[in-house]
């Protein structure tokens, strides 16, 4: 990706602090809105409050801070975030194919990560991590309401599409986009992926989420468009919601989230096929850039 000159070339530490403060400011606004909803009696409708909170969180904690940060440091904010260019249809189809190939490997890694146990002397930390994980799963379970087709669509739009846009604007567009100007892009990809996973506070899904973040990061670098990782992120989240809807309504019987989670051979095959596809994709893109 060709980097245009910046309006303000901040040190990495200053940029990270600024992004963090903007995100925390948005989070505080979300808390304030929740408090207002409590005063108005809306808190009695827990599911409604949760859905409103998700929308506010994505807008106030991720999207607006990323846009403001880009506006503050760049002459062309949307060019800095790489949202002024669309990915090719071929890139989108290849990304979806990558998700198909990587599903067994990711499910296997998720199962492995969830089974990890800390040493006895870290039992206090482990209890806290499990409590955080359970709380996050409980909140997500309430949000993923697939009791009807309408509720499923709402969950796809909020958890799938809006969350995909929000988190990619912040972690890939703003954070990785800035870091890649000051270091090797591989470092930028993995640092952003690490922070992306860490900020979810779901430690028994930390490794697969970091790998997913890295995939989105490389898609961002290779395509030069933030919309490609946004589409991938939205597809990943939405597929979970749609899969649950299909199972709850007996349309399918196989739990896609468990496919390949207990078969080493399928895991190895999935890893090999996914890496081969990604390397071929990267090679073709580099060849196109050099022509």
C-alpha atoms as a PDB file:
ATOM      1  CA  UNK A   1       0.000   0.000   0.000  1.00  0.00           C
ATOM      2  CA  UNK A   2       1.249   3.498  -0.885  1.00  0.00           C
ATOM      3  CA  UNK A   3       1.200   5.775   2.157  1.00  0.00           C
ATOM      4  CA  UNK A   4       0.287   9.400   1.589  1.00  0.00           C
ATOM      5  CA  UNK A   5       1.932  12.168   3.679  1.00  0.00           C
ATOM      6  CA  UNK A   6       0.364  12.788   7.088  1.00  0.00           C
ATOM      7  CA  UNK A   7      -0.895  16.070   8.473  1.00  0.00           C
ATOM      8  CA  UNK A   8       0.576  15.216  11.883  1.00  0.00           C
ATOM      9  CA  UNK A   9       3.269  12.542  12.172  1.00  0.00           C
ATOM     10  CA  UNK A  10       2.794  11.470  15.789  1.00  0.00           C
ATOM     11  CA  UNK A  11       5.190   9.170  17.673  1.00  0.00           C
ATOM     12  CA  UNK A  12       3.819   5.650  18.109  1.00  0.00           C
ATOM     13  CA  UNK A  13       3.336   6.116  21.855  1.00  0.00           C
ATOM     14  CA  UNK A  14       1.332   9.330  21.369  1.00  0.00           C
ATOM     15  CA  UNK A  15      -0.841   7.764  18.681  1.00  0.00           C
ATOM     16  CA  UNK A  16      -1.583   4.682  20.804  1.00  0.00           C
ATOM     17  CA  UNK A  17      -2.441   6.851  23.825  1.00  0.00           C
ATOM     18  CA  UNK A  18      -4.704   9.024  21.689  1.00  0.00           C
ATOM     19  CA  UNK A  19      -6.553   6.040  20.194  1.00  0.00           C
ATOM     20  CA  UNK A  20      -6.920   4.488  23.659  1.00  0.00           C
ATOM     21  CA  UNK A  21      -8.285   7.688  25.164  1.00  0.00           C
ATOM     22  CA  UNK A  22     -10.732   8.158  22.285  1.00  0.00           C
ATOM     23  CA  UNK A  23     -11.947   4.578  22.693  1.00  0.00           C
ATOM     24  CA  UNK A  24     -12.286   4.953  26.467  1.00  0.00           C
ATOM     25  CA  UNK A  25     -14.134   8.223  25.991  1.00  0.00           C
ATOM     26  CA  UNK A  26     -16.614   6.471  23.734  1.00  0.00           C
ATOM     27  CA  UNK A  27     -16.964   3.660  26.262  1.00  0.00           C
ATOM     28  CA  UNK A  28     -17.734   6.187  29.024  1.00  0.00           C
ATOM     29  CA  UNK A  29     -20.426   7.691  26.818  1.00  0.00           C
ATOM     30  CA  UNK A  30     -21.915   4.204  26.411  1.00  0.00           C
ATOM     31  CA  UNK A  31     -21.955   3.797  30.191  1.00  0.00           C
ATOM     32  CA  UNK A  32     -23.638   7.199  30.521  1.00  0.00           C
ATOM     33  CA  UNK A  33     -26.315   6.207  27.998  1.00  0.00           C
ATOM     34  CA  UNK A  34     -26.864   2.959  29.920  1.00  0.00           C
ATOM     35  CA  UNK A  35     -27.327   4.979  33.102  1.00  0.00           C
ATOM     36  CA  UNK A  36     -29.886   7.197  31.343  1.00  0.00           C
ATOM     37  CA  UNK A  37     -31.733   4.103  30.100  1.00  0.00           C
ATOM     38  CA  UNK A  38     -31.804   2.822  33.698  1.00  0.00           C
ATOM     39  CA  UNK A  39     -33.330   6.098  34.918  1.00  0.00           C
ATOM     40  CA  UNK A  40     -35.994   5.986  32.207  1.00  0.00           C
ATOM     41  CA  UNK A  41     -37.011   2.451  33.151  1.00  0.00           C
ATOM     42  CA  UNK A  42     -35.795   0.946  29.896  1.00  0.00           C
ATOM     43  CA  UNK A  43     -33.404  -1.267  31.880  1.00  0.00           C
ATOM     44  CA  UNK A  44     -36.334  -3.579  32.624  1.00  0.00           C
ATOM     45  CA  UNK A  45     -36.114  -4.675  28.983  1.00  0.00           C
ATOM     46  CA  UNK A  46     -32.652  -6.262  29.267  1.00  0.00           C
ATOM     47  CA  UNK A  47     -32.425  -7.549  25.689  1.00  0.00           C
ATOM     48  CA  UNK A  48     -33.388  -4.160  24.229  1.00  0.00           C
ATOM     49  CA  UNK A  49     -30.738  -2.443  26.355  1.00  0.00           C
ATOM     50  CA  UNK A  50     -28.108  -4.977  25.259  1.00  0.00           C
ATOM     51  CA  UNK A  51     -28.896  -4.432  21.579  1.00  0.00           C
ATOM     52  CA  UNK A  52     -28.798  -0.637  21.963  1.00  0.00           C
ATOM     53  CA  UNK A  53     -25.509  -0.960  23.857  1.00  0.00           C
ATOM     54  CA  UNK A  54     -23.934  -2.990  21.037  1.00  0.00           C
ATOM     55  CA  UNK A  55     -24.899  -0.322  18.501  1.00  0.00           C
ATOM     56  CA  UNK A  56     -23.631   2.520  20.711  1.00  0.00           C
ATOM     57  CA  UNK A  57     -20.430   0.673  21.551  1.00  0.00           C
ATOM     58  CA  UNK A  58     -19.541   0.097  17.915  1.00  0.00           C
ATOM     59  CA  UNK A  59     -20.279   3.692  16.939  1.00  0.00           C
ATOM     60  CA  UNK A  60     -18.885   5.534  19.979  1.00  0.00           C
ATOM     61  CA  UNK A  61     -16.010   3.235  20.988  1.00  0.00           C
ATOM     62  CA  UNK A  62     -14.741   2.120  17.577  1.00  0.00           C
ATOM     63  CA  UNK A  63     -16.075   3.904  14.485  1.00  0.00           C
ATOM     64  CA  UNK A  64     -16.077   7.555  15.588  1.00  0.00           C
ATOM     65  CA  UNK A  65     -12.703   7.340  17.429  1.00  0.00           C
ATOM     66  CA  UNK A  66     -11.100   5.773  14.333  1.00  0.00           C
ATOM     67  CA  UNK A  67     -12.536   8.487  12.064  1.00  0.00           C
ATOM     68  CA  UNK A  68     -11.540  11.298  14.441  1.00  0.00           C
ATOM     69  CA  UNK A  69      -8.027   9.866  14.782  1.00  0.00           C
ATOM     70  CA  UNK A  70      -7.692   9.645  10.998  1.00  0.00           C
ATOM     71  CA  UNK A  71      -9.014  13.206  10.608  1.00  0.00           C
ATOM     72  CA  UNK A  72      -6.543  14.479  13.222  1.00  0.00           C
ATOM     73  CA  UNK A  73      -3.406  12.987  11.647  1.00  0.00           C
ATOM     74  CA  UNK A  74      -4.222  12.702   7.929  1.00  0.00           C
ATOM     75  CA  UNK A  75      -5.076  15.141   5.159  1.00  0.00           C
ATOM     76  CA  UNK A  76      -7.479  12.577   3.728  1.00  0.00           C
ATOM     77  CA  UNK A  77      -9.003  10.620   6.647  1.00  0.00           C
ATOM     78  CA  UNK A  78     -10.942   8.095   4.573  1.00  0.00           C
ATOM     79  CA  UNK A  79      -7.949   7.480   2.347  1.00  0.00           C
ATOM     80  CA  UNK A  80      -5.851   6.866   5.481  1.00  0.00           C
ATOM     81  CA  UNK A  81      -8.420   4.311   6.682  1.00  0.00           C
ATOM     82  CA  UNK A  82      -8.531   2.787   3.158  1.00  0.00           C
ATOM     83  CA  UNK A  83     -12.314   2.995   2.942  1.00  0.00           C
ATOM     84  CA  UNK A  84     -12.219   5.083  -0.232  1.00  0.00           C
ATOM     85  CA  UNK A  85     -11.530   2.036  -2.393  1.00  0.00           C
ATOM     86  CA  UNK A  86     -13.494  -1.166  -2.915  1.00  0.00           C
ATOM     87  CA  UNK A  87     -12.032  -4.678  -3.143  1.00  0.00           C
ATOM     88  CA  UNK A  88     -12.509  -6.665  -6.312  1.00  0.00           C
ATOM     89  CA  UNK A  89     -15.238  -9.284  -6.521  1.00  0.00           C
ATOM     90  CA  UNK A  90     -12.518 -11.904  -7.028  1.00  0.00           C
ATOM     91  CA  UNK A  91     -10.865 -10.890  -3.738  1.00  0.00           C
ATOM     92  CA  UNK A  92     -14.174 -11.193  -1.892  1.00  0.00           C
ATOM     93  CA  UNK A  93     -14.816 -14.663  -3.321  1.00  0.00           C
ATOM     94  CA  UNK A  94     -11.275 -15.756  -2.442  1.00  0.00           C
ATOM     95  CA  UNK A  95     -11.740 -14.497   1.107  1.00  0.00           C
ATOM     96  CA  UNK A  96     -14.949 -16.496   1.498  1.00  0.00           C
ATOM     97  CA  UNK A  97     -13.133 -19.563   0.124  1.00  0.00           C
ATOM     98  CA  UNK A  98     -10.398 -19.055   2.728  1.00  0.00           C
ATOM     99  CA  UNK A  99     -13.048 -19.116   5.453  1.00  0.00           C
ATOM    100  CA  UNK A 100     -14.423 -22.398   4.123  1.00  0.00           C
ATOM    101  CA  UNK A 101     -10.958 -24.010   4.078  1.00  0.00           C
ATOM    102  CA  UNK A 102      -9.920 -22.678   7.494  1.00  0.00           C
ATOM    103  CA  UNK A 103     -13.100 -23.625   9.395  1.00  0.00           C
ATOM    104  CA  UNK A 104     -11.911 -27.085  10.604  1.00  0.00           C
ATOM    105  CA  UNK A 105      -8.523 -25.679  11.696  1.00  0.00           C
ATOM    106  CA  UNK A 106     -10.097 -22.750  13.566  1.00  0.00           C
ATOM    107  CA  UNK A 107     -12.614 -25.032  15.288  1.00  0.00           C
ATOM    108  CA  UNK A 108      -9.770 -27.322  16.379  1.00  0.00           C
ATOM    109  CA  UNK A 109      -7.758 -24.378  17.763  1.00  0.00           C
ATOM    110  CA  UNK A 110     -10.847 -23.009  19.547  1.00  0.00           C
ATOM    111  CA  UNK A 111     -11.408 -26.385  21.215  1.00  0.00           C
ATOM    112  CA  UNK A 112      -7.727 -26.559  22.231  1.00  0.00           C
ATOM    113  CA  UNK A 113      -7.691 -23.005  23.612  1.00  0.00           C
ATOM    114  CA  UNK A 114     -10.842 -23.613  25.654  1.00  0.00           C
ATOM    115  CA  UNK A 115      -9.280 -26.718  27.251  1.00  0.00           C
ATOM    116  CA  UNK A 116      -6.166 -24.941  28.543  1.00  0.00           C
ATOM    117  CA  UNK A 117      -5.548 -24.944  32.281  1.00  0.00           C
ATOM    118  CA  UNK A 118      -3.170 -22.718  34.240  1.00  0.00           C
ATOM    119  CA  UNK A 119      -0.788 -24.007  36.953  1.00  0.00           C
ATOM    120  CA  UNK A 120      -2.152 -24.246  40.514  1.00  0.00           C
ATOM    121  CA  UNK A 121      -0.294 -21.128  41.683  1.00  0.00           C
ATOM    122  CA  UNK A 122      -2.283 -19.130  39.099  1.00  0.00           C
ATOM    123  CA  UNK A 123      -5.653 -20.504  40.214  1.00  0.00           C
ATOM    124  CA  UNK A 124      -6.892 -17.028  41.210  1.00  0.00           C
ATOM    125  CA  UNK A 125      -6.122 -15.671  37.753  1.00  0.00           C
ATOM    126  CA  UNK A 126      -7.745 -18.699  36.146  1.00  0.00           C
ATOM    127  CA  UNK A 127     -10.956 -18.205  38.141  1.00  0.00           C
ATOM    128  CA  UNK A 128     -11.099 -14.556  37.079  1.00  0.00           C
ATOM    129  CA  UNK A 129     -10.492 -15.494  33.432  1.00  0.00           C
ATOM    130  CA  UNK A 130     -13.244 -18.125  33.545  1.00  0.00           C
ATOM    131  CA  UNK A 131     -15.650 -15.664  35.181  1.00  0.00           C
ATOM    132  CA  UNK A 132     -14.915 -13.096  32.436  1.00  0.00           C
ATOM    133  CA  UNK A 133     -15.387 -15.767  29.787  1.00  0.00           C
ATOM    134  CA  UNK A 134     -18.706 -16.920  31.266  1.00  0.00           C
ATOM    135  CA  UNK A 135     -19.995 -13.340  31.542  1.00  0.00           C
ATOM    136  CA  UNK A 136     -19.051 -12.617  27.924  1.00  0.00           C
ATOM    137  CA  UNK A 137     -20.692 -15.847  26.709  1.00  0.00           C
ATOM    138  CA  UNK A 138     -23.856 -15.062  28.675  1.00  0.00           C
ATOM    139  CA  UNK A 139     -24.104 -11.572  27.145  1.00  0.00           C
ATOM    140  CA  UNK A 140     -23.401 -12.920  23.641  1.00  0.00           C
ATOM    141  CA  UNK A 141     -25.953 -15.685  24.126  1.00  0.00           C
ATOM    142  CA  UNK A 142     -28.633 -13.114  24.925  1.00  0.00           C
ATOM    143  CA  UNK A 143     -27.682 -10.989  21.927  1.00  0.00           C
ATOM    144  CA  UNK A 144     -27.724 -13.905  19.499  1.00  0.00           C
ATOM    145  CA  UNK A 145     -31.507 -14.216  19.619  1.00  0.00           C
ATOM    146  CA  UNK A 146     -32.472 -16.541  16.794  1.00  0.00           C
ATOM    147  CA  UNK A 147     -35.974 -17.382  18.031  1.00  0.00           C
ATOM    148  CA  UNK A 148     -37.412 -15.902  14.839  1.00  0.00           C
ATOM    149  CA  UNK A 149     -36.214 -14.900  11.375  1.00  0.00           C
ATOM    150  CA  UNK A 150     -36.607 -11.211  12.252  1.00  0.00           C
ATOM    151  CA  UNK A 151     -34.500 -11.523  15.405  1.00  0.00           C
ATOM    152  CA  UNK A 152     -31.878 -13.426  13.432  1.00  0.00           C
ATOM    153  CA  UNK A 153     -31.657 -10.594  10.879  1.00  0.00           C
ATOM    154  CA  UNK A 154     -31.298  -8.024  13.679  1.00  0.00           C
ATOM    155  CA  UNK A 155     -28.498 -10.108  15.245  1.00  0.00           C
ATOM    156  CA  UNK A 156     -26.710 -10.374  11.871  1.00  0.00           C
ATOM    157  CA  UNK A 157     -26.918  -6.606  11.351  1.00  0.00           C
ATOM    158  CA  UNK A 158     -25.728  -5.723  14.862  1.00  0.00           C
ATOM    159  CA  UNK A 159     -23.272  -8.483  15.800  1.00  0.00           C
ATOM    160  CA  UNK A 160     -22.229  -9.309  12.253  1.00  0.00           C
ATOM    161  CA  UNK A 161     -22.236  -6.225  10.059  1.00  0.00           C
ATOM    162  CA  UNK A 162     -21.964  -3.335  12.531  1.00  0.00           C
ATOM    163  CA  UNK A 163     -19.403  -5.053  14.743  1.00  0.00           C
ATOM    164  CA  UNK A 164     -17.394  -5.981  11.660  1.00  0.00           C
ATOM    165  CA  UNK A 165     -17.350  -2.352  10.549  1.00  0.00           C
ATOM    166  CA  UNK A 166     -16.610  -0.952  14.008  1.00  0.00           C
ATOM    167  CA  UNK A 167     -13.768  -3.254  15.028  1.00  0.00           C
ATOM    168  CA  UNK A 168     -12.093  -3.156  11.626  1.00  0.00           C
ATOM    169  CA  UNK A 169     -12.222   0.659  11.510  1.00  0.00           C
ATOM    170  CA  UNK A 170     -10.480   0.808  14.889  1.00  0.00           C
ATOM    171  CA  UNK A 171      -8.038  -2.121  14.947  1.00  0.00           C
ATOM    172  CA  UNK A 172      -7.121  -2.468  11.275  1.00  0.00           C
ATOM    173  CA  UNK A 173      -7.903   0.940   9.765  1.00  0.00           C
ATOM    174  CA  UNK A 174      -6.642   3.198  12.554  1.00  0.00           C
ATOM    175  CA  UNK A 175      -4.254   1.131  14.703  1.00  0.00           C
ATOM    176  CA  UNK A 176      -2.659  -1.159  12.116  1.00  0.00           C
ATOM    177  CA  UNK A 177      -2.796   1.556   9.474  1.00  0.00           C
ATOM    178  CA  UNK A 178      -0.757   3.876  11.679  1.00  0.00           C
ATOM    179  CA  UNK A 179       1.674   1.232  12.947  1.00  0.00           C
ATOM    180  CA  UNK A 180       2.453   0.068   9.410  1.00  0.00           C
ATOM    181  CA  UNK A 181       3.883   3.520   8.685  1.00  0.00           C
ATOM    182  CA  UNK A 182       6.444   3.143  11.472  1.00  0.00           C
ATOM    183  CA  UNK A 183       7.427  -0.534  11.310  1.00  0.00           C
ATOM    184  CA  UNK A 184       7.460  -3.642   9.134  1.00  0.00           C
ATOM    185  CA  UNK A 185       3.868  -4.410   8.152  1.00  0.00           C
ATOM    186  CA  UNK A 186       4.113  -7.939   9.607  1.00  0.00           C
ATOM    187  CA  UNK A 187       4.761  -6.432  13.046  1.00  0.00           C
ATOM    188  CA  UNK A 188       1.855  -4.032  12.553  1.00  0.00           C
ATOM    189  CA  UNK A 189      -0.471  -6.888  11.577  1.00  0.00           C
ATOM    190  CA  UNK A 190       0.379  -9.047  14.591  1.00  0.00           C
ATOM    191  CA  UNK A 191       0.439  -6.211  17.143  1.00  0.00           C
ATOM    192  CA  UNK A 192      -3.005  -5.066  16.000  1.00  0.00           C
ATOM    193  CA  UNK A 193      -4.231  -8.688  16.057  1.00  0.00           C
ATOM    194  CA  UNK A 194      -2.878  -9.164  19.602  1.00  0.00           C
ATOM    195  CA  UNK A 195      -4.567  -5.992  20.868  1.00  0.00           C
ATOM    196  CA  UNK A 196      -7.768  -6.909  19.005  1.00  0.00           C
ATOM    197  CA  UNK A 197      -7.955 -10.267  20.772  1.00  0.00           C
ATOM    198  CA  UNK A 198      -6.862  -8.909  24.154  1.00  0.00           C
ATOM    199  CA  UNK A 199      -9.569  -6.226  24.165  1.00  0.00           C
ATOM    200  CA  UNK A 200     -12.312  -8.855  23.968  1.00  0.00           C
ATOM    201  CA  UNK A 201     -11.360 -10.141  27.452  1.00  0.00           C
ATOM    202  CA  UNK A 202     -12.249 -13.678  26.411  1.00  0.00           C
ATOM    203  CA  UNK A 203      -9.004 -15.454  27.208  1.00  0.00           C
ATOM    204  CA  UNK A 204     -10.199 -18.958  26.370  1.00  0.00           C
ATOM    205  CA  UNK A 205     -10.657 -17.783  22.806  1.00  0.00           C
ATOM    206  CA  UNK A 206      -7.559 -15.570  22.694  1.00  0.00           C
ATOM    207  CA  UNK A 207      -5.437 -17.574  20.230  1.00  0.00           C
ATOM    208  CA  UNK A 208      -8.075 -18.213  17.528  1.00  0.00           C
ATOM    209  CA  UNK A 209      -9.274 -14.605  17.758  1.00  0.00           C
ATOM    210  CA  UNK A 210      -5.706 -13.322  17.366  1.00  0.00           C
ATOM    211  CA  UNK A 211      -5.188 -15.566  14.322  1.00  0.00           C
ATOM    212  CA  UNK A 212      -8.438 -14.274  12.865  1.00  0.00           C
ATOM    213  CA  UNK A 213      -7.271 -10.704  13.504  1.00  0.00           C
ATOM    214  CA  UNK A 214      -3.998 -11.448  11.724  1.00  0.00           C
ATOM    215  CA  UNK A 215      -5.910 -12.836   8.736  1.00  0.00           C
ATOM    216  CA  UNK A 216      -7.953  -9.635   8.573  1.00  0.00           C
ATOM    217  CA  UNK A 217      -4.725  -7.662   8.877  1.00  0.00           C
ATOM    218  CA  UNK A 218      -3.077  -9.373   5.915  1.00  0.00           C
ATOM    219  CA  UNK A 219      -6.253  -9.023   3.862  1.00  0.00           C
ATOM    220  CA  UNK A 220      -6.093  -5.297   4.624  1.00  0.00           C
ATOM    221  CA  UNK A 221      -2.454  -5.062   3.531  1.00  0.00           C
ATOM    222  CA  UNK A 222      -2.761  -7.210   0.414  1.00  0.00           C
ATOM    223  CA  UNK A 223      -5.975  -5.661  -0.900  1.00  0.00           C
ATOM    224  CA  UNK A 224      -5.312  -2.048   0.126  1.00  0.00           C
ATOM    225  CA  UNK A 225      -8.977  -1.780   1.117  1.00  0.00           C
ATOM    226  CA  UNK A 226     -10.476  -1.896   4.603  1.00  0.00           C
ATOM    227  CA  UNK A 227     -13.716  -3.203   3.143  1.00  0.00           C
ATOM    228  CA  UNK A 228     -12.236  -6.658   2.532  1.00  0.00           C
ATOM    229  CA  UNK A 229     -11.496  -7.399   6.232  1.00  0.00           C
ATOM    230  CA  UNK A 230     -14.830  -5.774   7.105  1.00  0.00           C
ATOM    231  CA  UNK A 231     -16.602  -8.230   4.798  1.00  0.00           C
ATOM    232  CA  UNK A 232     -14.575 -11.114   6.262  1.00  0.00           C
ATOM    233  CA  UNK A 233     -15.291 -10.035   9.838  1.00  0.00           C
ATOM    234  CA  UNK A 234     -19.005  -9.590   9.124  1.00  0.00           C
ATOM    235  CA  UNK A 235     -19.144 -12.965   7.357  1.00  0.00           C
ATOM    236  CA  UNK A 236     -17.417 -14.721  10.263  1.00  0.00           C
ATOM    237  CA  UNK A 237     -19.728 -13.242  12.916  1.00  0.00           C
ATOM    238  CA  UNK A 238     -22.873 -13.589  10.822  1.00  0.00           C
ATOM    239  CA  UNK A 239     -22.187 -17.245   9.998  1.00  0.00           C
ATOM    240  CA  UNK A 240     -22.314 -18.075  13.725  1.00  0.00           C
ATOM    241  CA  UNK A 241     -25.706 -16.371  14.080  1.00  0.00           C
ATOM    242  CA  UNK A 242     -27.150 -17.951  10.926  1.00  0.00           C
ATOM    243  CA  UNK A 243     -25.816 -21.390  11.866  1.00  0.00           C
ATOM    244  CA  UNK A 244     -27.498 -21.168  15.262  1.00  0.00           C
ATOM    245  CA  UNK A 245     -30.777 -20.100  13.641  1.00  0.00           C
ATOM    246  CA  UNK A 246     -30.649 -23.021  11.197  1.00  0.00           C
ATOM    247  CA  UNK A 247     -29.965 -25.528  13.997  1.00  0.00           C
ATOM    248  CA  UNK A 248     -32.646 -24.142  16.330  1.00  0.00           C
ATOM    249  CA  UNK A 249     -35.202 -24.450  13.536  1.00  0.00           C
ATOM    250  CA  UNK A 250     -34.025 -27.983  12.599  1.00  0.00           C
ATOM    251  CA  UNK A 251     -33.000 -26.870   9.108  1.00  0.00           C
ATOM    252  CA  UNK A 252     -29.541 -28.362   9.622  1.00  0.00           C
ATOM    253  CA  UNK A 253     -28.314 -30.858  12.218  1.00  0.00           C
ATOM    254  CA  UNK A 254     -24.545 -30.353  12.035  1.00  0.00           C
ATOM    255  CA  UNK A 255     -23.030 -27.748  14.353  1.00  0.00           C
ATOM    256  CA  UNK A 256     -20.610 -25.954  12.022  1.00  0.00           C
ATOM    257  CA  UNK A 257     -18.700 -24.543  15.010  1.00  0.00           C
ATOM    258  CA  UNK A 258     -17.732 -28.107  15.999  1.00  0.00           C
ATOM    259  CA  UNK A 259     -16.832 -29.381  12.524  1.00  0.00           C
ATOM    260  CA  UNK A 260     -13.259 -30.719  12.595  1.00  0.00           C
ATOM    261  CA  UNK A 261     -12.683 -29.767  16.240  1.00  0.00           C
ATOM    262  CA  UNK A 262     -11.748 -33.344  17.240  1.00  0.00           C
ATOM    263  CA  UNK A 263      -9.931 -34.598  14.124  1.00  0.00           C
ATOM    264  CA  UNK A 264      -6.195 -33.960  13.813  1.00  0.00           C
ATOM    265  CA  UNK A 265      -6.008 -35.070  10.182  1.00  0.00           C
ATOM    266  CA  UNK A 266      -8.750 -32.644   9.191  1.00  0.00           C
ATOM    267  CA  UNK A 267      -6.987 -29.904  11.154  1.00  0.00           C
ATOM    268  CA  UNK A 268      -3.686 -30.502   9.318  1.00  0.00           C
ATOM    269  CA  UNK A 269      -5.410 -30.655   5.927  1.00  0.00           C
ATOM    270  CA  UNK A 270      -7.282 -27.436   6.691  1.00  0.00           C
ATOM    271  CA  UNK A 271      -4.075 -25.614   7.706  1.00  0.00           C
ATOM    272  CA  UNK A 272      -2.209 -26.757   4.576  1.00  0.00           C
ATOM    273  CA  UNK A 273      -5.033 -25.814   2.180  1.00  0.00           C
ATOM    274  CA  UNK A 274      -5.575 -22.439   3.845  1.00  0.00           C
ATOM    275  CA  UNK A 275      -1.873 -21.523   3.791  1.00  0.00           C
ATOM    276  CA  UNK A 276      -1.509 -22.629   0.167  1.00  0.00           C
ATOM    277  CA  UNK A 277      -4.469 -20.483  -0.870  1.00  0.00           C
ATOM    278  CA  UNK A 278      -3.177 -17.462   1.060  1.00  0.00           C
ATOM    279  CA  UNK A 279       0.348 -17.773  -0.361  1.00  0.00           C
ATOM    280  CA  UNK A 280      -0.982 -18.163  -3.913  1.00  0.00           C
ATOM    281  CA  UNK A 281      -3.218 -15.141  -3.390  1.00  0.00           C
ATOM    282  CA  UNK A 282      -0.356 -13.024  -2.035  1.00  0.00           C
ATOM    283  CA  UNK A 283       1.946 -14.121  -4.880  1.00  0.00           C
ATOM    284  CA  UNK A 284      -0.630 -13.196  -7.488  1.00  0.00           C
ATOM    285  CA  UNK A 285      -1.231  -9.782  -5.912  1.00  0.00           C
ATOM    286  CA  UNK A 286       2.496  -9.039  -5.768  1.00  0.00           C
ATOM    287  CA  UNK A 287       2.852 -10.070  -9.411  1.00  0.00           C
ATOM    288  CA  UNK A 288      -0.001  -7.747 -10.396  1.00  0.00           C
ATOM    289  CA  UNK A 289       1.592  -4.837  -8.508  1.00  0.00           C
ATOM    290  CA  UNK A 290       4.952  -5.350 -10.274  1.00  0.00           C
ATOM    291  CA  UNK A 291       3.433  -5.446 -13.767  1.00  0.00           C
END
